[in-house]
Amino acid sequence: MSSPMPQRSDYPHFQPITTRWNDNDTYGHINNVTYYSFFDTAVNTYLIHVGGLDIHEGEVVGFVVSSSCDYFASVAFPDLIEVGLRVGKLGNSSVQYELAVFKAGESEACAAGRFVHVFVDRASNRPVPVPPQLRQALEFLVV
């Protein structure tokens, strides 16, 4: 990765996550695909609790349309981690999240990633503007 390693101070919001025994792979560390679950958990927890997203019956849902992750250091069960969350770009109907996984209390990231949500009407699957309450919550995270 050509950019500097993400630091804890780069993120305005953190979601604590407890690693699980089955997150480890045969090599003794958290499997790479599990990091995407960490990202999804951090973002959706924020959207539900801060942005008021109703994942069960709301008219608007977020679809992931792009994602990536870079890895710097291993994490393994029973590590406690915190996922840093910020918004790199907030568009009319989309948002690009920038995330980093930190071991609890450490300042340098073990992994950093990004993904893009496009908000769509649940019934039609067509893009819609980010709802006002969600937009307000996301604006707090814009860097």
Protein backbone atom coordinates (compact mmCIF):
# COMPACT_ATOMS: atom_id res chain seq x y z
CA MET A 1 0.00 0.00 0.00
CA SER A 2 1.46 3.32 -1.04
CA SER A 3 -0.28 5.53 1.52
CA PRO A 4 0.87 5.78 5.15
CA MET A 5 -0.40 3.18 7.60
CA PRO A 6 -3.66 4.39 9.13
CA GLN A 7 -3.46 5.67 12.69
CA ARG A 8 -6.14 5.59 15.37
CA SER A 9 -6.27 9.41 15.33
CA ASP A 10 -7.46 9.28 11.68
CA TYR A 11 -10.92 7.98 12.66
CA PRO A 12 -13.78 9.78 14.43
CA HIS A 13 -15.75 6.64 15.40
CA PHE A 14 -14.83 3.19 16.72
CA GLN A 15 -16.81 -0.02 16.98
CA PRO A 16 -15.46 -2.60 19.44
CA ILE A 17 -15.65 -6.19 18.20
CA THR A 18 -14.76 -9.39 20.02
CA THR A 19 -13.00 -11.93 17.85
CA ARG A 20 -14.38 -15.46 17.94
CA TRP A 21 -12.67 -18.83 18.05
CA ASN A 22 -13.93 -19.73 14.57
CA ASP A 23 -12.52 -16.49 13.07
CA ASN A 24 -9.03 -18.08 13.15
CA ASP A 25 -7.92 -20.04 10.13
CA THR A 26 -5.54 -22.97 9.87
CA TYR A 27 -2.57 -20.55 9.99
CA GLY A 28 -3.58 -19.32 13.45
CA HIS A 29 -4.79 -15.82 12.56
CA ILE A 30 -8.05 -14.19 11.53
CA ASN A 31 -8.91 -15.22 7.99
CA ASN A 32 -8.88 -12.42 5.42
CA VAL A 33 -12.58 -12.73 4.54
CA THR A 34 -13.54 -12.14 8.19
CA TYR A 35 -12.27 -8.56 7.98
CA TYR A 36 -15.14 -7.78 5.59
CA SER A 37 -17.55 -9.00 8.24
CA PHE A 38 -15.87 -6.69 10.76
CA PHE A 39 -16.32 -3.78 8.32
CA ASP A 40 -19.97 -4.64 7.68
CA THR A 41 -20.63 -4.96 11.42
CA ALA A 42 -19.02 -1.59 12.21
CA VAL A 43 -20.86 0.29 9.45
CA ASN A 44 -24.28 -1.27 9.99
CA THR A 45 -24.10 -0.89 13.77
CA TYR A 46 -23.43 2.81 13.23
CA LEU A 47 -26.17 3.20 10.62
CA ILE A 48 -28.75 1.44 12.81
CA HIS A 49 -27.91 3.07 16.14
CA VAL A 50 -26.82 6.54 15.03
CA GLY A 51 -28.46 6.93 11.62
CA GLY A 52 -31.77 5.25 12.42
CA LEU A 53 -31.57 2.73 9.55
CA ASP A 54 -34.39 0.19 9.78
CA ILE A 55 -32.86 -2.93 8.23
CA HIS A 56 -36.05 -4.97 8.56
CA GLU A 57 -38.85 -2.73 7.34
CA GLY A 58 -37.32 0.54 6.15
CA GLU A 59 -38.02 1.75 2.62
CA VAL A 60 -34.29 2.34 1.98
CA VAL A 61 -31.48 -0.21 2.17
CA GLY A 62 -27.75 -0.01 1.43
CA PHE A 63 -26.16 -2.30 -1.16
CA VAL A 64 -22.40 -2.86 -1.15
CA VAL A 65 -21.13 -2.26 -4.69
CA SER A 66 -17.36 -2.18 -4.13
CA SER A 67 -14.88 -3.23 -1.43
CA SER A 68 -11.18 -3.75 -0.74
CA CYS A 69 -8.81 -4.43 2.14
CA ASP A 70 -5.06 -4.17 2.82
CA TYR A 71 -3.40 -6.15 5.62
CA PHE A 72 -0.46 -4.97 7.75
CA ALA A 73 -0.33 -7.20 10.86
CA SER A 74 -2.03 -10.34 12.12
CA VAL A 75 -5.00 -10.46 14.45
CA ALA A 76 -6.06 -13.70 16.16
CA PHE A 77 -8.61 -14.94 18.65
CA PRO A 78 -8.87 -13.89 21.51
CA ASP A 79 -7.75 -10.38 20.46
CA LEU A 80 -10.15 -7.56 21.18
CA ILE A 81 -10.34 -5.21 18.23
CA GLU A 82 -11.82 -1.82 17.40
CA VAL A 83 -12.84 -0.87 13.88
CA GLY A 84 -12.23 2.76 13.05
CA LEU A 85 -14.85 4.28 10.75
CA ARG A 86 -14.85 7.42 8.64
CA VAL A 87 -16.44 8.59 5.40
CA GLY A 88 -14.17 9.43 2.49
CA LYS A 89 -16.90 10.51 0.10
CA LEU A 90 -20.59 11.22 0.60
CA GLY A 91 -22.57 11.47 -2.63
CA ASN A 92 -26.26 11.88 -3.42
CA SER A 93 -27.11 8.18 -3.17
CA SER A 94 -23.79 6.62 -2.21
CA VAL A 95 -21.16 6.71 0.50
CA GLN A 96 -17.57 5.47 0.58
CA TYR A 97 -16.56 4.22 4.01
CA GLU A 98 -12.93 4.02 5.06
CA LEU A 99 -12.22 1.56 7.85
CA ALA A 100 -9.29 0.27 9.84
CA VAL A 101 -8.90 -2.61 12.29
CA PHE A 102 -6.92 -1.87 15.45
CA LYS A 103 -6.03 -4.18 18.30
CA ALA A 104 -7.54 -2.63 21.42
CA GLY A 105 -5.32 0.18 22.67
CA GLU A 106 -2.90 0.16 19.71
CA SER A 107 -2.36 3.21 17.53
CA GLU A 108 -1.40 1.55 14.22
CA ALA A 109 -3.89 -0.37 12.11
CA CYS A 110 -3.59 -4.11 11.46
CA ALA A 111 -5.74 -3.76 8.32
CA ALA A 112 -7.44 -0.99 6.38
CA GLY A 113 -10.23 -1.17 3.88
CA ARG A 114 -13.02 0.62 2.17
CA PHE A 115 -16.41 -0.13 0.77
CA VAL A 116 -19.15 1.71 -1.03
CA HIS A 117 -22.85 1.58 -0.21
CA VAL A 118 -25.46 2.71 -2.71
CA PHE A 119 -28.78 3.42 -1.03
CA VAL A 120 -31.73 2.02 -2.91
CA ASP A 121 -35.49 1.78 -2.61
CA ARG A 122 -36.22 -1.64 -1.09
CA ALA A 123 -39.14 -2.31 -3.46
CA SER A 124 -37.57 -1.23 -6.76
CA ASN A 125 -33.82 -1.67 -6.07
CA ARG A 126 -33.33 1.74 -7.72
CA PRO A 127 -30.91 4.30 -6.21
CA VAL A 128 -32.43 6.98 -4.00
CA PRO A 129 -30.93 9.97 -2.16
CA VAL A 130 -29.40 9.18 1.21
CA PRO A 131 -32.24 9.78 3.72
CA PRO A 132 -31.79 12.97 5.82
CA GLN A 133 -31.26 11.22 9.19
CA LEU A 134 -28.65 8.89 7.66
CA ARG A 135 -26.97 11.79 5.83
CA GLN A 136 -26.66 13.71 9.09
CA ALA A 137 -25.05 10.71 10.82
CA LEU A 138 -22.68 10.16 7.88
CA GLU A 139 -21.68 13.84 7.68
CA PHE A 140 -20.24 13.50 11.21
CA LEU A 141 -17.80 10.90 9.80
CA VAL A 142 -16.63 12.83 6.72
CA VAL A 143 -12.88 13.47 6.70
